[in-house]
Amino acid sequence: MNAKVESNDYPLNWLRWLVVVALVAVGVVGNSYYSDVALLYRVVALLALGLVALWVAVNTAQGSVLWNVAKESQTEIRKVVWPSRQETNQTTLIVVVLTIIMAFILWLLDTAIGYVASLIIG
């Protein structure tokens, strides 16, 4: 039943996606065709085409769902408790020290195995 509701809320959804694809194609071909025009003008034109394509895409069923997810994720990021500077420094120090210890242990293991292999090979 949700599919029927979505199709009624977004009539001609496929046509909107076709417009988005056409706008992207026009941007790619136009950028190549007008390669002799100043870069600033091409960048401004591509940004304008990109914004129009983004606006059309957001007005599709899938685009509105993606937009809602982005807004909800922004709300969730505000709820995150970020570590303090001291906690970040301590955690980084622990990782660095353990990495150095593990590197030393692996070096010792590699040296021992190499020594044993040289005794076996002769």
PDB file of N, CA and C in Angstrom:
ATOM      1  N   MET A   1       0.806  -1.177   0.000  1.00  0.00           N
ATOM      2  CA  MET A   1       0.000   0.000   0.000  1.00  0.00           C
ATOM      3  C   MET A   1       0.860   1.255   0.000  1.00  0.00           C
ATOM      4  N   ASN A   2       2.061   1.173   0.590  1.00  0.00           N
ATOM      5  CA  ASN A   2       2.947   2.330   0.593  1.00  0.00           C
ATOM      6  C   ASN A   2       3.414   2.697  -0.799  1.00  0.00           C
ATOM      7  N   ALA A   3       3.586   1.694  -1.665  1.00  0.00           N
ATOM      8  CA  ALA A   3       4.034   1.976  -3.024  1.00  0.00           C
ATOM      9  C   ALA A   3       3.006   2.823  -3.764  1.00  0.00           C
ATOM     10  N   LYS A   4       1.723   2.544  -3.529  1.00  0.00           N
ATOM     11  CA  LYS A   4       0.677   3.336  -4.187  1.00  0.00           C
ATOM     12  C   LYS A   4       0.673   4.766  -3.663  1.00  0.00           C
ATOM     13  N   VAL A   5       0.915   4.913  -2.379  1.00  0.00           N
ATOM     14  CA  VAL A   5       0.938   6.251  -1.802  1.00  0.00           C
ATOM     15  C   VAL A   5       2.114   7.039  -2.360  1.00  0.00           C
ATOM     16  N   GLU A   6       3.290   6.394  -2.455  1.00  0.00           N
ATOM     17  CA  GLU A   6       4.461   7.072  -2.981  1.00  0.00           C
ATOM     18  C   GLU A   6       4.266   7.458  -4.435  1.00  0.00           C
ATOM     19  N   SER A   7       3.660   6.581  -5.222  1.00  0.00           N
ATOM     20  CA  SER A   7       3.484   6.907  -6.629  1.00  0.00           C
ATOM     21  C   SER A   7       2.482   8.050  -6.798  1.00  0.00           C
ATOM     22  N   ASN A   8       1.483   8.174  -5.898  1.00  0.00           N
ATOM     23  CA  ASN A   8       0.548   9.280  -5.989  1.00  0.00           C
ATOM     24  C   ASN A   8       1.175  10.584  -5.524  1.00  0.00           C
ATOM     25  N   ASP A   9       2.068  10.513  -4.526  1.00  0.00           N
ATOM     26  CA  ASP A   9       2.722  11.716  -4.029  1.00  0.00           C
ATOM     27  C   ASP A   9       3.750  12.248  -5.027  1.00  0.00           C
ATOM     28  N   TYR A  10       4.330  11.390  -5.816  1.00  0.00           N
ATOM     29  CA  TYR A  10       5.372  11.769  -6.761  1.00  0.00           C
ATOM     30  C   TYR A  10       4.991  11.308  -8.162  1.00  0.00           C
ATOM     31  N   PRO A  11       4.080  12.027  -8.810  1.00  0.00           N
ATOM     32  CA  PRO A  11       3.698  11.612 -10.165  1.00  0.00           C
ATOM     33  C   PRO A  11       4.862  11.839 -11.132  1.00  0.00           C
ATOM     34  N   LEU A  12       4.962  11.000 -12.097  1.00  0.00           N
ATOM     35  CA  LEU A  12       6.021  11.059 -13.108  1.00  0.00           C
ATOM     36  C   LEU A  12       7.416  11.073 -12.484  1.00  0.00           C
ATOM     37  N   ASN A  13       7.591  10.224 -11.493  1.00  0.00           N
ATOM     38  CA  ASN A  13       8.886  10.117 -10.806  1.00  0.00           C
ATOM     39  C   ASN A  13       9.996   9.749 -11.781  1.00  0.00           C
ATOM     40  N   TRP A  14       9.703   8.854 -12.694  1.00  0.00           N
ATOM     41  CA  TRP A  14      10.703   8.416 -13.665  1.00  0.00           C
ATOM     42  C   TRP A  14      11.127   9.567 -14.572  1.00  0.00           C
ATOM     43  N   LEU A  15      10.206  10.476 -14.867  1.00  0.00           N
ATOM     44  CA  LEU A  15      10.542  11.609 -15.717  1.00  0.00           C
ATOM     45  C   LEU A  15      11.494  12.561 -15.004  1.00  0.00           C
ATOM     46  N   ARG A  16      11.322  12.710 -13.722  1.00  0.00           N
ATOM     47  CA  ARG A  16      12.231  13.564 -12.951  1.00  0.00           C
ATOM     48  C   ARG A  16      13.643  12.986 -12.948  1.00  0.00           C
ATOM     49  N   TRP A  17      13.747  11.661 -12.805  1.00  0.00           N
ATOM     50  CA  TRP A  17      15.077  11.052 -12.850  1.00  0.00           C
ATOM     51  C   TRP A  17      15.691  11.178 -14.235  1.00  0.00           C
ATOM     52  N   LEU A  18      14.856  11.119 -15.253  1.00  0.00           N
ATOM     53  CA  LEU A  18      15.341  11.314 -16.614  1.00  0.00           C
ATOM     54  C   LEU A  18      15.883  12.736 -16.788  1.00  0.00           C
ATOM     55  N   VAL A  19      15.213  13.717 -16.186  1.00  0.00           N
ATOM     56  CA  VAL A  19      15.692  15.100 -16.233  1.00  0.00           C
ATOM     57  C   VAL A  19      17.030  15.225 -15.507  1.00  0.00           C
ATOM     58  N   VAL A  20      17.170  14.554 -14.363  1.00  0.00           N
ATOM     59  CA  VAL A  20      18.435  14.591 -13.619  1.00  0.00           C
ATOM     60  C   VAL A  20      19.561  14.020 -14.471  1.00  0.00           C
ATOM     61  N   VAL A  21      19.324  12.879 -15.096  1.00  0.00           N
ATOM     62  CA  VAL A  21      20.346  12.263 -15.945  1.00  0.00           C
ATOM     63  C   VAL A  21      20.678  13.178 -17.117  1.00  0.00           C
ATOM     64  N   ALA A  22      19.652  13.797 -17.706  1.00  0.00           N
ATOM     65  CA  ALA A  22      19.882  14.705 -18.831  1.00  0.00           C
ATOM     66  C   ALA A  22      20.700  15.919 -18.398  1.00  0.00           C
ATOM     67  N   LEU A  23      20.414  16.471 -17.227  1.00  0.00           N
ATOM     68  CA  LEU A  23      21.181  17.616 -16.743  1.00  0.00           C
ATOM     69  C   LEU A  23      22.648  17.253 -16.506  1.00  0.00           C
ATOM     70  N   VAL A  24      22.887  16.082 -15.947  1.00  0.00           N
ATOM     71  CA  VAL A  24      24.271  15.634 -15.731  1.00  0.00           C
ATOM     72  C   VAL A  24      24.971  15.428 -17.072  1.00  0.00           C
ATOM     73  N   ALA A  25      24.264  14.830 -18.015  1.00  0.00           N
ATOM     74  CA  ALA A  25      24.850  14.607 -19.345  1.00  0.00           C
ATOM     75  C   ALA A  25      25.152  15.935 -20.029  1.00  0.00           C
ATOM     76  N   VAL A  26      24.244  16.900 -19.915  1.00  0.00           N
ATOM     77  CA  VAL A  26      24.485  18.220 -20.504  1.00  0.00           C
ATOM     78  C   VAL A  26      25.710  18.859 -19.858  1.00  0.00           C
ATOM     79  N   GLY A  27      25.866  18.700 -18.563  1.00  0.00           N
ATOM     80  CA  GLY A  27      27.031  19.253 -17.884  1.00  0.00           C
ATOM     81  C   GLY A  27      28.323  18.633 -18.369  1.00  0.00           C
ATOM     82  N   VAL A  28      28.340  17.327 -18.511  1.00  0.00           N
ATOM     83  CA  VAL A  28      29.561  16.633 -18.951  1.00  0.00           C
ATOM     84  C   VAL A  28      29.902  17.004 -20.389  1.00  0.00           C
ATOM     85  N   VAL A  29      28.915  16.926 -21.264  1.00  0.00           N
ATOM     86  CA  VAL A  29      29.165  17.235 -22.676  1.00  0.00           C
ATOM     87  C   VAL A  29      29.487  18.719 -22.849  1.00  0.00           C
ATOM     88  N   GLY A  30      28.752  19.580 -22.161  1.00  0.00           N
ATOM     89  CA  GLY A  30      29.004  21.015 -22.275  1.00  0.00           C
ATOM     90  C   GLY A  30      30.375  21.408 -21.766  1.00  0.00           C
ATOM     91  N   ASN A  31      30.815  20.791 -20.683  1.00  0.00           N
ATOM     92  CA  ASN A  31      32.149  21.080 -20.153  1.00  0.00           C
ATOM     93  C   ASN A  31      33.219  20.670 -21.159  1.00  0.00           C
ATOM     94  N   SER A  32      33.014  19.566 -21.831  1.00  0.00           N
ATOM     95  CA  SER A  32      33.976  19.123 -22.830  1.00  0.00           C
ATOM     96  C   SER A  32      33.917  19.998 -24.085  1.00  0.00           C
ATOM     97  N   TYR A  33      32.706  20.324 -24.508  1.00  0.00           N
ATOM     98  CA  TYR A  33      32.523  21.105 -25.732  1.00  0.00           C
ATOM     99  C   TYR A  33      33.072  22.525 -25.573  1.00  0.00           C
ATOM    100  N   TYR A  34      32.848  23.123 -24.415  1.00  0.00           N
ATOM    101  CA  TYR A  34      33.298  24.492 -24.173  1.00  0.00           C
ATOM    102  C   TYR A  34      34.624  24.519 -23.401  1.00  0.00           C
ATOM    103  N   SER A  35      35.518  23.629 -23.729  1.00  0.00           N
ATOM    104  CA  SER A  35      36.796  23.561 -23.014  1.00  0.00           C
ATOM    105  C   SER A  35      37.671  24.791 -23.248  1.00  0.00           C
ATOM    106  N   ASP A  36      37.388  25.549 -24.311  1.00  0.00           N
ATOM    107  CA  ASP A  36      38.177  26.746 -24.571  1.00  0.00           C
ATOM    108  C   ASP A  36      37.688  27.958 -23.771  1.00  0.00           C
ATOM    109  N   VAL A  37      36.518  27.853 -23.138  1.00  0.00           N
ATOM    110  CA  VAL A  37      35.992  28.935 -22.309  1.00  0.00           C
ATOM    111  C   VAL A  37      36.716  28.910 -20.968  1.00  0.00           C
ATOM    112  N   ALA A  38      36.803  30.063 -20.329  1.00  0.00           N
ATOM    113  CA  ALA A  38      37.512  30.169 -19.050  1.00  0.00           C
ATOM    114  C   ALA A  38      36.961  29.172 -18.031  1.00  0.00           C
ATOM    115  N   LEU A  39      37.856  28.641 -17.226  1.00  0.00           N
ATOM    116  CA  LEU A  39      37.494  27.620 -16.246  1.00  0.00           C
ATOM    117  C   LEU A  39      36.465  28.135 -15.248  1.00  0.00           C
ATOM    118  N   LEU A  40      36.576  29.370 -14.838  1.00  0.00           N
ATOM    119  CA  LEU A  40      35.632  29.935 -13.868  1.00  0.00           C
ATOM    120  C   LEU A  40      34.205  29.859 -14.382  1.00  0.00           C
ATOM    121  N   TYR A  41      33.994  30.217 -15.644  1.00  0.00           N
ATOM    122  CA  TYR A  41      32.643  30.184 -16.207  1.00  0.00           C
ATOM    123  C   TYR A  41      32.105  28.758 -16.282  1.00  0.00           C
ATOM    124  N   ARG A  42      32.975  27.832 -16.650  1.00  0.00           N
ATOM    125  CA  ARG A  42      32.526  26.432 -16.722  1.00  0.00           C
ATOM    126  C   ARG A  42      32.179  25.889 -15.347  1.00  0.00           C
ATOM    127  N   VAL A  43      32.977  26.256 -14.332  1.00  0.00           N
ATOM    128  CA  VAL A  43      32.704  25.796 -12.967  1.00  0.00           C
ATOM    129  C   VAL A  43      31.380  26.364 -12.471  1.00  0.00           C
ATOM    130  N   VAL A  44      31.143  27.649 -12.731  1.00  0.00           N
ATOM    131  CA  VAL A  44      29.878  28.264 -12.310  1.00  0.00           C
ATOM    132  C   VAL A  44      28.705  27.591 -13.011  1.00  0.00           C
ATOM    133  N   ALA A  45      28.852  27.320 -14.308  1.00  0.00           N
ATOM    134  CA  ALA A  45      27.773  26.655 -15.048  1.00  0.00           C
ATOM    135  C   ALA A  45      27.525  25.247 -14.513  1.00  0.00           C
ATOM    136  N   LEU A  46      28.611  24.514 -14.220  1.00  0.00           N
ATOM    137  CA  LEU A  46      28.448  23.155 -13.685  1.00  0.00           C
ATOM    138  C   LEU A  46      27.817  23.173 -12.299  1.00  0.00           C
ATOM    139  N   LEU A  47      28.194  24.153 -11.469  1.00  0.00           N
ATOM    140  CA  LEU A  47      27.563  24.260 -10.148  1.00  0.00           C
ATOM    141  C   LEU A  47      26.079  24.560 -10.277  1.00  0.00           C
ATOM    142  N   ALA A  48      25.719  25.447 -11.188  1.00  0.00           N
ATOM    143  CA  ALA A  48      24.308  25.771 -11.388  1.00  0.00           C
ATOM    144  C   ALA A  48      23.542  24.536 -11.875  1.00  0.00           C
ATOM    145  N   LEU A  49      24.099  23.830 -12.859  1.00  0.00           N
ATOM    146  CA  LEU A  49      23.447  22.607 -13.337  1.00  0.00           C
ATOM    147  C   LEU A  49      23.354  21.557 -12.230  1.00  0.00           C
ATOM    148  N   GLY A  50      24.399  21.446 -11.434  1.00  0.00           N
ATOM    149  CA  GLY A  50      24.394  20.484 -10.336  1.00  0.00           C
ATOM    150  C   GLY A  50      23.338  20.809  -9.300  1.00  0.00           C
ATOM    151  N   LEU A  51      23.183  22.087  -8.981  1.00  0.00           N
ATOM    152  CA  LEU A  51      22.154  22.482  -8.011  1.00  0.00           C
ATOM    153  C   LEU A  51      20.752  22.219  -8.537  1.00  0.00           C
ATOM    154  N   VAL A  52      20.541  22.505  -9.823  1.00  0.00           N
ATOM    155  CA  VAL A  52      19.222  22.231 -10.420  1.00  0.00           C
ATOM    156  C   VAL A  52      18.965  20.722 -10.423  1.00  0.00           C
ATOM    157  N   ALA A  53      19.979  19.936 -10.792  1.00  0.00           N
ATOM    158  CA  ALA A  53      19.820  18.479 -10.800  1.00  0.00           C
ATOM    159  C   ALA A  53      19.560  17.956  -9.400  1.00  0.00           C
ATOM    160  N   LEU A  54      20.246  18.515  -8.411  1.00  0.00           N
ATOM    161  CA  LEU A  54      20.034  18.107  -7.020  1.00  0.00           C
ATOM    162  C   LEU A  54      18.623  18.455  -6.568  1.00  0.00           C
ATOM    163  N   TRP A  55      18.149  19.636  -6.923  1.00  0.00           N
ATOM    164  CA  TRP A  55      16.794  20.047  -6.551  1.00  0.00           C
ATOM    165  C   TRP A  55      15.752  19.120  -7.176  1.00  0.00           C
ATOM    166  N   VAL A  56      15.948  18.767  -8.447  1.00  0.00           N
ATOM    167  CA  VAL A  56      15.009  17.849  -9.109  1.00  0.00           C
ATOM    168  C   VAL A  56      15.088  16.476  -8.455  1.00  0.00           C
ATOM    169  N   ALA A  57      16.286  16.020  -8.126  1.00  0.00           N
ATOM    170  CA  ALA A  57      16.451  14.698  -7.510  1.00  0.00           C
ATOM    171  C   ALA A  57      15.808  14.641  -6.131  1.00  0.00           C
ATOM    172  N   VAL A  58      15.906  15.720  -5.362  1.00  0.00           N
ATOM    173  CA  VAL A  58      15.313  15.730  -4.026  1.00  0.00           C
ATOM    174  C   VAL A  58      13.794  15.707  -4.112  1.00  0.00           C
ATOM    175  N   ASN A  59      13.239  16.169  -5.220  1.00  0.00           N
ATOM    176  CA  ASN A  59      11.790  16.171  -5.397  1.00  0.00           C
ATOM    177  C   ASN A  59      11.255  14.865  -5.973  1.00  0.00           C
ATOM    178  N   THR A  60      12.060  13.819  -5.941  1.00  0.00           N
ATOM    179  CA  THR A  60      11.590  12.487  -6.314  1.00  0.00           C
ATOM    180  C   THR A  60      11.321  11.690  -5.043  1.00  0.00           C
ATOM    181  N   ALA A  61      10.723  10.537  -5.186  1.00  0.00           N
ATOM    182  CA  ALA A  61      10.407   9.709  -4.014  1.00  0.00           C
ATOM    183  C   ALA A  61      11.686   9.287  -3.291  1.00  0.00           C
ATOM    184  N   GLN A  62      12.647   8.781  -4.036  1.00  0.00           N
ATOM    185  CA  GLN A  62      13.886   8.330  -3.428  1.00  0.00           C
ATOM    186  C   GLN A  62      14.687   9.509  -2.880  1.00  0.00           C
ATOM    187  N   GLY A  63      14.651  10.632  -3.567  1.00  0.00           N
ATOM    188  CA  GLY A  63      15.378  11.801  -3.117  1.00  0.00           C
ATOM    189  C   GLY A  63      14.837  12.360  -1.820  1.00  0.00           C
ATOM    190  N   SER A  64      13.509  12.345  -1.675  1.00  0.00           N
ATOM    191  CA  SER A  64      12.943  12.862  -0.425  1.00  0.00           C
ATOM    192  C   SER A  64      13.267  11.935   0.743  1.00  0.00           C
ATOM    193  N   VAL A  65      13.314  10.634   0.482  1.00  0.00           N
ATOM    194  CA  VAL A  65      13.701   9.692   1.538  1.00  0.00           C
ATOM    195  C   VAL A  65      15.146   9.943   1.944  1.00  0.00           C
ATOM    196  N   LEU A  66      16.028  10.140   0.970  1.00  0.00           N
ATOM    197  CA  LEU A  66      17.432  10.424   1.262  1.00  0.00           C
ATOM    198  C   LEU A  66      17.571  11.738   2.015  1.00  0.00           C
ATOM    199  N   TRP A  67      16.807  12.749   1.641  1.00  0.00           N
ATOM    200  CA  TRP A  67      16.852  14.039   2.318  1.00  0.00           C
ATOM    201  C   TRP A  67      16.409  13.893   3.774  1.00  0.00           C
ATOM    202  N   ASN A  68      15.350  13.098   4.010  1.00  0.00           N
ATOM    203  CA  ASN A  68      14.890  12.877   5.384  1.00  0.00           C
ATOM    204  C   ASN A  68      15.941  12.136   6.208  1.00  0.00           C
ATOM    205  N   VAL A  69      16.608  11.165   5.607  1.00  0.00           N
ATOM    206  CA  VAL A  69      17.671  10.441   6.311  1.00  0.00           C
ATOM    207  C   VAL A  69      18.807  11.390   6.668  1.00  0.00           C
ATOM    208  N   ALA A  70      19.153  12.288   5.747  1.00  0.00           N
ATOM    209  CA  ALA A  70      20.233  13.247   6.017  1.00  0.00           C
ATOM    210  C   ALA A  70      19.846  14.180   7.166  1.00  0.00           C
ATOM    211  N   LYS A  71      18.605  14.636   7.191  1.00  0.00           N
ATOM    212  CA  LYS A  71      18.172  15.516   8.280  1.00  0.00           C
ATOM    213  C   LYS A  71      18.151  14.768   9.614  1.00  0.00           C
ATOM    214  N   GLU A  72      17.694  13.517   9.599  1.00  0.00           N
ATOM    215  CA  GLU A  72      17.668  12.725  10.833  1.00  0.00           C
ATOM    216  C   GLU A  72      19.072  12.410  11.324  1.00  0.00           C
ATOM    217  N   SER A  73      19.996  12.155  10.404  1.00  0.00           N
ATOM    218  CA  SER A  73      21.368  11.867  10.823  1.00  0.00           C
ATOM    219  C   SER A  73      22.029  13.114  11.409  1.00  0.00           C
ATOM    220  N   GLN A  74      21.680  14.282  10.886  1.00  0.00           N
ATOM    221  CA  GLN A  74      22.203  15.518  11.459  1.00  0.00           C
ATOM    222  C   GLN A  74      21.693  15.685  12.893  1.00  0.00           C
ATOM    223  N   THR A  75      20.438  15.327  13.129  1.00  0.00           N
ATOM    224  CA  THR A  75      19.879  15.385  14.477  1.00  0.00           C
ATOM    225  C   THR A  75      20.598  14.402  15.394  1.00  0.00           C
ATOM    226  N   GLU A  76      20.897  13.215  14.890  1.00  0.00           N
ATOM    227  CA  GLU A  76      21.579  12.209  15.703  1.00  0.00           C
ATOM    228  C   GLU A  76      23.014  12.622  16.028  1.00  0.00           C
ATOM    229  N   ILE A  77      23.666  13.304  15.096  1.00  0.00           N
ATOM    230  CA  ILE A  77      25.051  13.737  15.346  1.00  0.00           C
ATOM    231  C   ILE A  77      25.091  14.747  16.482  1.00  0.00           C
ATOM    232  N   ARG A  78      24.053  15.541  16.608  1.00  0.00           N
ATOM    233  CA  ARG A  78      24.015  16.499  17.724  1.00  0.00           C
ATOM    234  C   ARG A  78      23.929  15.789  19.068  1.00  0.00           C
ATOM    235  N   LYS A  79      23.431  14.551  19.084  1.00  0.00           N
ATOM    236  CA  LYS A  79      23.273  13.802  20.332  1.00  0.00           C
ATOM    237  C   LYS A  79      24.556  13.079  20.750  1.00  0.00           C
ATOM    238  N   VAL A  80      25.540  13.015  19.859  1.00  0.00           N
ATOM    239  CA  VAL A  80      26.772  12.283  20.142  1.00  0.00           C
ATOM    240  C   VAL A  80      27.564  13.011  21.227  1.00  0.00           C
ATOM    241  N   VAL A  81      28.070  12.244  22.178  1.00  0.00           N
ATOM    242  CA  VAL A  81      28.935  12.795  23.215  1.00  0.00           C
ATOM    243  C   VAL A  81      30.369  12.599  22.742  1.00  0.00           C
ATOM    244  N   TRP A  82      31.002  13.698  22.365  1.00  0.00           N
ATOM    245  CA  TRP A  82      32.356  13.628  21.841  1.00  0.00           C
ATOM    246  C   TRP A  82      33.349  13.587  23.000  1.00  0.00           C
ATOM    247  N   PRO A  83      34.463  12.860  22.833  1.00  0.00           N
ATOM    248  CA  PRO A  83      35.449  12.780  23.919  1.00  0.00           C
ATOM    249  C   PRO A  83      36.138  14.130  24.119  1.00  0.00           C
ATOM    250  N   SER A  84      36.597  14.322  25.344  1.00  0.00           N
ATOM    251  CA  SER A  84      37.323  15.559  25.642  1.00  0.00           C
ATOM    252  C   SER A  84      38.726  15.480  25.043  1.00  0.00           C
ATOM    253  N   ARG A  85      39.424  16.594  25.082  1.00  0.00           N
ATOM    254  CA  ARG A  85      40.783  16.624  24.549  1.00  0.00           C
ATOM    255  C   ARG A  85      41.693  15.684  25.324  1.00  0.00           C
ATOM    256  N   GLN A  86      41.531  15.640  26.628  1.00  0.00           N
ATOM    257  CA  GLN A  86      42.359  14.771  27.463  1.00  0.00           C
ATOM    258  C   GLN A  86      42.087  13.297  27.125  1.00  0.00           C
ATOM    259  N   GLU A  87      40.825  12.923  26.979  1.00  0.00           N
ATOM    260  CA  GLU A  87      40.493  11.531  26.632  1.00  0.00           C
ATOM    261  C   GLU A  87      41.064  11.162  25.268  1.00  0.00           C
ATOM    262  N   THR A  88      40.995  12.081  24.322  1.00  0.00           N
ATOM    263  CA  THR A  88      41.543  11.823  22.985  1.00  0.00           C
ATOM    264  C   THR A  88      43.052  11.642  23.040  1.00  0.00           C
ATOM    265  N   ASN A  89      43.730  12.502  23.793  1.00  0.00           N
ATOM    266  CA  ASN A  89      45.186  12.380  23.912  1.00  0.00           C
ATOM    267  C   ASN A  89      45.587  11.078  24.592  1.00  0.00           C
ATOM    268  N   GLN A  90      44.872  10.697  25.660  1.00  0.00           N
ATOM    269  CA  GLN A  90      45.189   9.453  26.362  1.00  0.00           C
ATOM    270  C   GLN A  90      44.968   8.236  25.468  1.00  0.00           C
ATOM    271  N   THR A  91      43.880   8.234  24.748  1.00  0.00           N
ATOM    272  CA  THR A  91      43.595   7.102  23.862  1.00  0.00           C
ATOM    273  C   THR A  91      44.633   7.013  22.755  1.00  0.00           C
ATOM    274  N   THR A  92      45.010   8.150  22.199  1.00  0.00           N
ATOM    275  CA  THR A  92      46.036   8.158  21.156  1.00  0.00           C
ATOM    276  C   THR A  92      47.362   7.645  21.701  1.00  0.00           C
ATOM    277  N   LEU A  93      47.717   8.067  22.898  1.00  0.00           N
ATOM    278  CA  LEU A  93      48.963   7.614  23.517  1.00  0.00           C
ATOM    279  C   LEU A  93      48.938   6.103  23.739  1.00  0.00           C
ATOM    280  N   ILE A  94      47.824   5.576  24.193  1.00  0.00           N
ATOM    281  CA  ILE A  94      47.704   4.127  24.404  1.00  0.00           C
ATOM    282  C   ILE A  94      47.893   3.385  23.090  1.00  0.00           C
ATOM    283  N   VAL A  95      47.278   3.868  22.020  1.00  0.00           N
ATOM    284  CA  VAL A  95      47.395   3.214  20.717  1.00  0.00           C
ATOM    285  C   VAL A  95      48.843   3.253  20.225  1.00  0.00           C
ATOM    286  N   VAL A  96      49.505   4.384  20.368  1.00  0.00           N
ATOM    287  CA  VAL A  96      50.898   4.507  19.913  1.00  0.00           C
ATOM    288  C   VAL A  96      51.806   3.579  20.712  1.00  0.00           C
ATOM    289  N   VAL A  97      51.653   3.551  22.025  1.00  0.00           N
ATOM    290  CA  VAL A  97      52.504   2.696  22.866  1.00  0.00           C
ATOM    291  C   VAL A  97      52.269   1.223  22.544  1.00  0.00           C
ATOM    292  N   LEU A  98      51.020   0.811  22.421  1.00  0.00           N
ATOM    293  CA  LEU A  98      50.745  -0.594  22.099  1.00  0.00           C
ATOM    294  C   LEU A  98      51.248  -0.963  20.710  1.00  0.00           C
ATOM    295  N   THR A  99      51.192  -0.034  19.768  1.00  0.00           N
ATOM    296  CA  THR A  99      51.721  -0.305  18.435  1.00  0.00           C
ATOM    297  C   THR A  99      53.231  -0.507  18.489  1.00  0.00           C
ATOM    298  N   ILE A 100      53.924   0.312  19.256  1.00  0.00           N
ATOM    299  CA  ILE A 100      55.377   0.155  19.393  1.00  0.00           C
ATOM    300  C   ILE A 100      55.714  -1.165  20.077  1.00  0.00           C
ATOM    301  N   ILE A 101      54.977  -1.531  21.126  1.00  0.00           N
ATOM    302  CA  ILE A 101      55.216  -2.801  21.825  1.00  0.00           C
ATOM    303  C   ILE A 101      54.984  -3.980  20.888  1.00  0.00           C
ATOM    304  N   MET A 102      53.885  -3.943  20.131  1.00  0.00           N
ATOM    305  CA  MET A 102      53.601  -5.051  19.206  1.00  0.00           C
ATOM    306  C   MET A 102      54.653  -5.120  18.098  1.00  0.00           C
ATOM    307  N   ALA A 103      55.115  -3.968  17.619  1.00  0.00           N
ATOM    308  CA  ALA A 103      56.169  -3.970  16.600  1.00  0.00           C
ATOM    309  C   ALA A 103      57.441  -4.610  17.155  1.00  0.00           C
ATOM    310  N   PHE A 104      57.786  -4.305  18.391  1.00  0.00           N
ATOM    311  CA  PHE A 104      58.973  -4.896  19.018  1.00  0.00           C
ATOM    312  C   PHE A 104      58.815  -6.408  19.177  1.00  0.00           C
ATOM    313  N   ILE A 105      57.634  -6.842  19.631  1.00  0.00           N
ATOM    314  CA  ILE A 105      57.381  -8.282  19.793  1.00  0.00           C
ATOM    315  C   ILE A 105      57.472  -8.991  18.446  1.00  0.00           C
ATOM    316  N   LEU A 106      56.883  -8.416  17.408  1.00  0.00           N
ATOM    317  CA  LEU A 106      56.938  -9.042  16.085  1.00  0.00           C
ATOM    318  C   LEU A 106      58.364  -9.054  15.536  1.00  0.00           C
ATOM    319  N   TRP A 107      59.132  -7.999  15.825  1.00  0.00           N
ATOM    320  CA  TRP A 107      60.531  -7.971  15.401  1.00  0.00           C
ATOM    321  C   TRP A 107      61.317  -9.090  16.076  1.00  0.00           C
ATOM    322  N   LEU A 108      61.103  -9.270  17.392  1.00  0.00           N
ATOM    323  CA  LEU A 108      61.771 -10.353  18.108  1.00  0.00           C
ATOM    324  C   LEU A 108      61.371 -11.710  17.545  1.00  0.00           C
ATOM    325  N   LEU A 109      60.095 -11.896  17.279  1.00  0.00           N
ATOM    326  CA  LEU A 109      59.604 -13.155  16.730  1.00  0.00           C
ATOM    327  C   LEU A 109      60.208 -13.403  15.350  1.00  0.00           C
ATOM    328  N   ASP A 110      60.257 -12.385  14.518  1.00  0.00           N
ATOM    329  CA  ASP A 110      60.830 -12.518  13.186  1.00  0.00           C
ATOM    330  C   ASP A 110      62.318 -12.858  13.267  1.00  0.00           C
ATOM    331  N   THR A 111      63.024 -12.217  14.175  1.00  0.00           N
ATOM    332  CA  THR A 111      64.452 -12.492  14.349  1.00  0.00           C
ATOM    333  C   THR A 111      64.674 -13.925  14.824  1.00  0.00           C
ATOM    334  N   ALA A 112      63.862 -14.367  15.767  1.00  0.00           N
ATOM    335  CA  ALA A 112      64.009 -15.732  16.284  1.00  0.00           C
ATOM    336  C   ALA A 112      63.709 -16.757  15.204  1.00  0.00           C
ATOM    337  N   ILE A 113      62.644 -16.563  14.452  1.00  0.00           N
ATOM    338  CA  ILE A 113      62.298 -17.509  13.379  1.00  0.00           C
ATOM    339  C   ILE A 113      63.379 -17.493  12.302  1.00  0.00           C
ATOM    340  N   GLY A 114      63.906 -16.315  11.983  1.00  0.00           N
ATOM    341  CA  GLY A 114      64.999 -16.228  10.998  1.00  0.00           C
ATOM    342  C   GLY A 114      66.243 -16.955  11.473  1.00  0.00           C
ATOM    343  N   TYR A 115      66.545 -16.831  12.772  1.00  0.00           N
ATOM    344  CA  TYR A 115      67.713 -17.517  13.328  1.00  0.00           C
ATOM    345  C   TYR A 115      67.529 -19.029  13.269  1.00  0.00           C
ATOM    346  N   VAL A 116      66.326 -19.493  13.646  1.00  0.00           N
ATOM    347  CA  VAL A 116      66.047 -20.940  13.598  1.00  0.00           C
ATOM    348  C   VAL A 116      66.111 -21.437  12.156  1.00  0.00           C
ATOM    349  N   ALA A 117      65.564 -20.671  11.224  1.00  0.00           N
ATOM    350  CA  ALA A 117      65.595 -21.081   9.815  1.00  0.00           C
ATOM    351  C   ALA A 117      67.024 -21.133   9.290  1.00  0.00           C
ATOM    352  N   SER A 118      67.860 -20.179   9.719  1.00  0.00           N
ATOM    353  CA  SER A 118      69.267 -20.206   9.243  1.00  0.00           C
ATOM    354  C   SER A 118      70.017 -21.406   9.828  1.00  0.00           C
ATOM    355  N   LEU A 119      69.667 -21.829  11.059  1.00  0.00           N
ATOM    356  CA  LEU A 119      70.300 -23.020  11.629  1.00  0.00           C
ATOM    357  C   LEU A 119      69.882 -24.262  10.865  1.00  0.00           C
ATOM    358  N   ILE A 120      68.600 -24.321  10.464  1.00  0.00           N
ATOM    359  CA  ILE A 120      68.111 -25.494   9.734  1.00  0.00           C
ATOM    360  C   ILE A 120      68.701 -25.540   8.334  1.00  0.00           C
ATOM    361  N   ILE A 121      68.723 -24.408   7.662  1.00  0.00           N
ATOM    362  CA  ILE A 121      69.201 -24.385   6.266  1.00  0.00           C
ATOM    363  C   ILE A 121      70.716 -24.540   6.231  1.00  0.00           C
ATOM    364  N   GLY A 122      71.371 -23.992   7.209  1.00  0.00           N
ATOM    365  CA  GLY A 122      72.809 -24.192   7.291  1.00  0.00           C
ATOM    366  C   GLY A 122      73.540 -23.005   6.846  1.00  0.00           C
TER     367      GLY A 122
END
